Amino acid sequence: EDLTMRTGLAERISYRVASVTDLPFEDGAFAQVWMLDVGIHVRDKAAMFAEIARVLRPGGLFVMHDQMGPLAKAMAPATRHAPFVAPSLPQLIRYVEAAGLRLMTWQDSTARIVAYFQQIRARLGPPDAQPDHQARSWRTWIRITTDAYLATLDELGGRTGIALAEVPSTFADTRHTGSWFDSCTMPRAPSRR
């Protein structure tokens, strides 16, 4: 809320705490829904996307950045405090389309995210370079999660990306054969093995 006040948008923006699988908004209440790195923490993907489709008006846009699986076993420390449910990209697209949304595009961001985590790893330096116990503990956590994301994305072939989908504005827009994913190929990040 502080950022909203500082940018002069307090009159235009309100905040609500709610479950994405049971949103407290009327059908068709929004022209756009944005979701950044949230879906991975929601177990019931079908309910989540159904609610997003429900609150979007016909022709409304859904923009999402998220991570797809598989997840590395190294992610276990990060998943202790919040669910991490990462379907594969084809599975995720099926959830989106089953909710009545039409996927317009997918932009893979995996290479950028891998480069980001590689930069973090380089900045951390060797494990024994931490100055005191508190800094060592924090840096150890960052190192563990950085290594886990790199294992997932760079070694196992997990993906990150931005999806843009819409609620079809007419019945004719909903008639298509097969999944959008079936008609395209996804680039794969090179393995570091």
Protein backbone atom coordinates (compact mmCIF):
# COMPACT_ATOMS: atom_id res chain seq x y z
CA GLU A 1 0.00 0.00 0.00
CA ASP A 2 2.91 2.36 0.67
CA LEU A 3 4.05 2.14 -2.95
CA THR A 4 0.49 2.90 -4.10
CA MET A 5 0.46 6.04 -1.94
CA ARG A 6 3.91 7.15 -3.15
CA THR A 7 2.94 6.78 -6.82
CA GLY A 8 -0.33 8.67 -6.38
CA LEU A 9 -2.49 5.65 -7.25
CA ALA A 10 -4.26 5.23 -3.90
CA GLU A 11 -7.56 6.47 -5.37
CA ARG A 12 -7.42 3.86 -8.16
CA ILE A 13 -6.09 0.74 -6.40
CA SER A 14 -7.47 -1.31 -3.52
CA TYR A 15 -6.08 -4.42 -1.85
CA ARG A 16 -7.91 -7.57 -0.78
CA VAL A 17 -6.67 -10.78 0.76
CA ALA A 18 -8.48 -13.74 -0.76
CA SER A 19 -8.03 -17.24 -2.08
CA VAL A 20 -7.37 -17.36 -5.82
CA THR A 21 -9.60 -20.45 -5.93
CA ASP A 22 -12.57 -18.51 -4.47
CA LEU A 23 -12.29 -14.84 -5.48
CA PRO A 24 -14.70 -12.33 -3.85
CA PHE A 25 -15.56 -10.58 -7.13
CA GLU A 26 -18.53 -10.69 -9.48
CA ASP A 27 -18.40 -12.50 -12.82
CA GLY A 28 -16.71 -10.40 -15.49
CA ALA A 29 -15.50 -7.77 -13.00
CA PHE A 30 -12.08 -7.20 -14.61
CA ALA A 31 -10.64 -6.37 -18.01
CA GLN A 32 -7.24 -7.79 -16.98
CA VAL A 33 -5.82 -10.20 -14.42
CA TRP A 34 -2.06 -10.29 -13.75
CA MET A 35 -0.37 -13.06 -11.81
CA LEU A 36 3.40 -13.02 -11.26
CA ASP A 37 5.06 -16.14 -9.82
CA VAL A 38 1.94 -17.09 -7.85
CA GLY A 39 0.47 -20.13 -9.62
CA ILE A 40 3.31 -22.41 -8.54
CA HIS A 41 2.09 -22.00 -4.94
CA VAL A 42 -1.53 -23.01 -5.68
CA ARG A 43 -2.36 -26.71 -5.45
CA ASP A 44 -5.73 -26.63 -7.26
CA LYS A 45 -4.75 -25.28 -10.68
CA ALA A 46 -8.13 -26.08 -12.23
CA ALA A 47 -10.00 -24.03 -9.60
CA MET A 48 -7.47 -21.19 -9.86
CA PHE A 49 -7.81 -20.81 -13.63
CA ALA A 50 -11.59 -21.27 -13.48
CA GLU A 51 -11.82 -18.35 -11.04
CA ILE A 52 -9.55 -16.19 -13.17
CA ALA A 53 -11.69 -16.92 -16.23
CA ARG A 54 -14.85 -16.21 -14.22
CA VAL A 55 -13.78 -12.74 -13.04
CA LEU A 56 -12.53 -11.69 -16.49
CA ARG A 57 -15.04 -10.06 -18.85
CA PRO A 58 -15.37 -11.34 -22.44
CA GLY A 59 -12.29 -10.24 -24.35
CA GLY A 60 -10.44 -9.77 -21.04
CA LEU A 61 -6.73 -10.55 -20.80
CA PHE A 62 -4.86 -12.80 -18.40
CA VAL A 63 -1.10 -12.26 -18.03
CA MET A 64 0.97 -14.71 -16.02
CA HIS A 65 4.65 -15.36 -15.31
CA ASP A 66 5.33 -18.63 -13.57
CA GLN A 67 7.57 -21.67 -13.26
CA MET A 68 6.84 -25.10 -14.68
CA GLY A 69 8.23 -28.44 -13.53
CA PRO A 70 9.78 -30.78 -13.07
CA LEU A 71 11.13 -29.57 -9.71
CA ALA A 72 14.50 -30.81 -8.48
CA LYS A 73 14.81 -32.60 -5.14
CA ALA A 74 17.06 -29.67 -4.18
CA MET A 75 13.86 -27.57 -4.01
CA ALA A 76 12.80 -29.40 -0.82
CA PRO A 77 14.10 -26.68 1.58
CA ALA A 78 12.17 -23.99 -0.32
CA THR A 79 8.97 -26.04 -0.42
CA ARG A 80 8.77 -26.56 3.37
CA HIS A 81 7.10 -23.20 4.02
CA ALA A 82 4.83 -22.90 0.97
CA PRO A 83 3.43 -25.33 -1.56
CA PHE A 84 5.34 -25.65 -4.82
CA VAL A 85 3.15 -27.40 -7.39
CA ALA A 86 4.73 -27.09 -10.81
CA PRO A 87 3.06 -28.93 -13.67
CA SER A 88 4.85 -29.24 -16.98
CA LEU A 89 4.19 -26.54 -19.57
CA PRO A 90 1.78 -28.72 -21.61
CA GLN A 91 -0.14 -29.54 -18.40
CA LEU A 92 -0.31 -25.88 -17.41
CA ILE A 93 -1.63 -24.90 -20.84
CA ARG A 94 -4.29 -27.60 -20.61
CA TYR A 95 -5.45 -26.12 -17.26
CA VAL A 96 -5.61 -22.63 -18.80
CA GLU A 97 -7.58 -23.81 -21.82
CA ALA A 98 -9.88 -26.11 -19.82
CA ALA A 99 -10.95 -23.03 -17.82
CA GLY A 100 -12.21 -21.44 -21.04
CA LEU A 101 -9.24 -19.15 -21.60
CA ARG A 102 -7.58 -19.07 -25.01
CA LEU A 103 -3.78 -18.96 -24.87
CA MET A 104 -2.55 -16.31 -27.27
CA THR A 105 1.20 -16.57 -26.67
CA TRP A 106 3.90 -18.03 -24.47
CA GLN A 107 7.31 -16.38 -24.08
CA ASP A 108 9.95 -18.57 -22.49
CA SER A 109 12.04 -16.65 -19.93
CA THR A 110 14.11 -19.58 -18.66
CA ALA A 111 17.45 -18.40 -20.08
CA ARG A 112 17.07 -15.00 -18.36
CA ILE A 113 16.10 -16.55 -15.05
CA VAL A 114 19.01 -19.02 -15.20
CA ALA A 115 21.40 -16.13 -15.94
CA TYR A 116 19.95 -14.21 -12.98
CA PHE A 117 20.50 -17.12 -10.57
CA GLN A 118 24.00 -17.68 -11.95
CA GLN A 119 24.78 -14.04 -11.15
CA ILE A 120 23.49 -14.48 -7.62
CA ARG A 121 25.64 -17.60 -7.19
CA ALA A 122 28.72 -15.70 -8.42
CA ARG A 123 28.06 -12.77 -6.05
CA LEU A 124 27.74 -15.07 -3.06
CA GLY A 125 31.31 -16.28 -3.49
CA PRO A 126 32.65 -19.42 -1.79
CA PRO A 127 30.62 -20.85 1.12
CA ASP A 128 33.33 -20.06 3.68
CA ALA A 129 33.49 -16.34 2.79
CA GLN A 130 30.61 -15.23 5.06
CA PRO A 131 31.63 -12.82 7.84
CA ASP A 132 29.40 -13.70 10.82
CA HIS A 133 26.83 -16.31 11.89
CA GLN A 134 23.74 -14.27 10.98
CA ALA A 135 25.09 -13.31 7.56
CA ARG A 136 26.28 -16.89 7.04
CA SER A 137 22.78 -18.25 7.79
CA TRP A 138 21.08 -15.84 5.39
CA ARG A 139 23.65 -16.41 2.65
CA THR A 140 23.35 -20.18 3.14
CA TRP A 141 19.57 -19.95 2.55
CA ILE A 142 20.11 -17.86 -0.59
CA ARG A 143 22.73 -20.34 -1.82
CA ILE A 144 20.41 -23.33 -1.20
CA THR A 145 17.48 -21.77 -3.05
CA THR A 146 19.69 -20.49 -5.88
CA ASP A 147 21.18 -23.95 -6.38
CA ALA A 148 17.68 -25.47 -6.26
CA TYR A 149 16.34 -23.17 -8.96
CA LEU A 150 19.40 -23.77 -11.13
CA ALA A 151 19.00 -27.54 -10.71
CA THR A 152 15.32 -27.29 -11.70
CA LEU A 153 15.75 -24.95 -14.65
CA ASP A 154 19.23 -25.65 -15.96
CA GLU A 155 19.57 -29.38 -15.30
CA LEU A 156 16.05 -30.89 -15.23
CA GLY A 157 14.49 -28.79 -17.96
CA GLY A 158 11.97 -26.89 -15.85
CA ARG A 159 10.70 -23.74 -17.55
CA THR A 160 9.74 -20.19 -16.65
CA GLY A 161 7.76 -17.95 -18.89
CA ILE A 162 5.09 -15.40 -19.57
CA ALA A 163 1.69 -16.46 -20.85
CA LEU A 164 -0.95 -14.19 -22.36
CA ALA A 165 -4.47 -15.58 -22.59
CA GLU A 166 -7.89 -14.13 -23.22
CA VAL A 167 -11.50 -14.86 -22.46
CA PRO A 168 -13.05 -15.38 -25.90
CA SER A 169 -15.55 -12.63 -26.68
CA THR A 170 -17.85 -14.84 -28.79
CA PHE A 171 -18.79 -18.49 -28.93
CA ALA A 172 -17.01 -18.82 -32.26
CA ASP A 173 -13.76 -17.79 -30.55
CA THR A 174 -14.00 -20.82 -28.28
CA ARG A 175 -14.13 -23.36 -31.10
CA HIS A 176 -10.64 -24.58 -31.84
CA THR A 177 -9.14 -27.96 -32.35
CA GLY A 178 -6.45 -29.22 -30.05
CA SER A 179 -4.37 -27.21 -27.65
CA TRP A 180 -2.37 -24.13 -28.56
CA PHE A 181 0.61 -26.03 -27.21
CA ASP A 182 0.11 -28.84 -29.71
CA SER A 183 0.88 -26.43 -32.56
CA CYS A 184 4.20 -25.08 -31.34
CA THR A 185 7.55 -26.13 -29.95
CA MET A 186 9.27 -24.71 -26.90
CA PRO A 187 12.96 -23.88 -26.78
CA ARG A 188 14.92 -25.83 -24.22
CA ALA A 189 17.72 -24.31 -22.17
CA PRO A 190 21.05 -26.02 -22.75
CA SER A 191 22.04 -28.42 -20.01
CA ARG A 192 25.14 -27.63 -17.94
CA ARG A 193 26.07 -31.31 -17.59
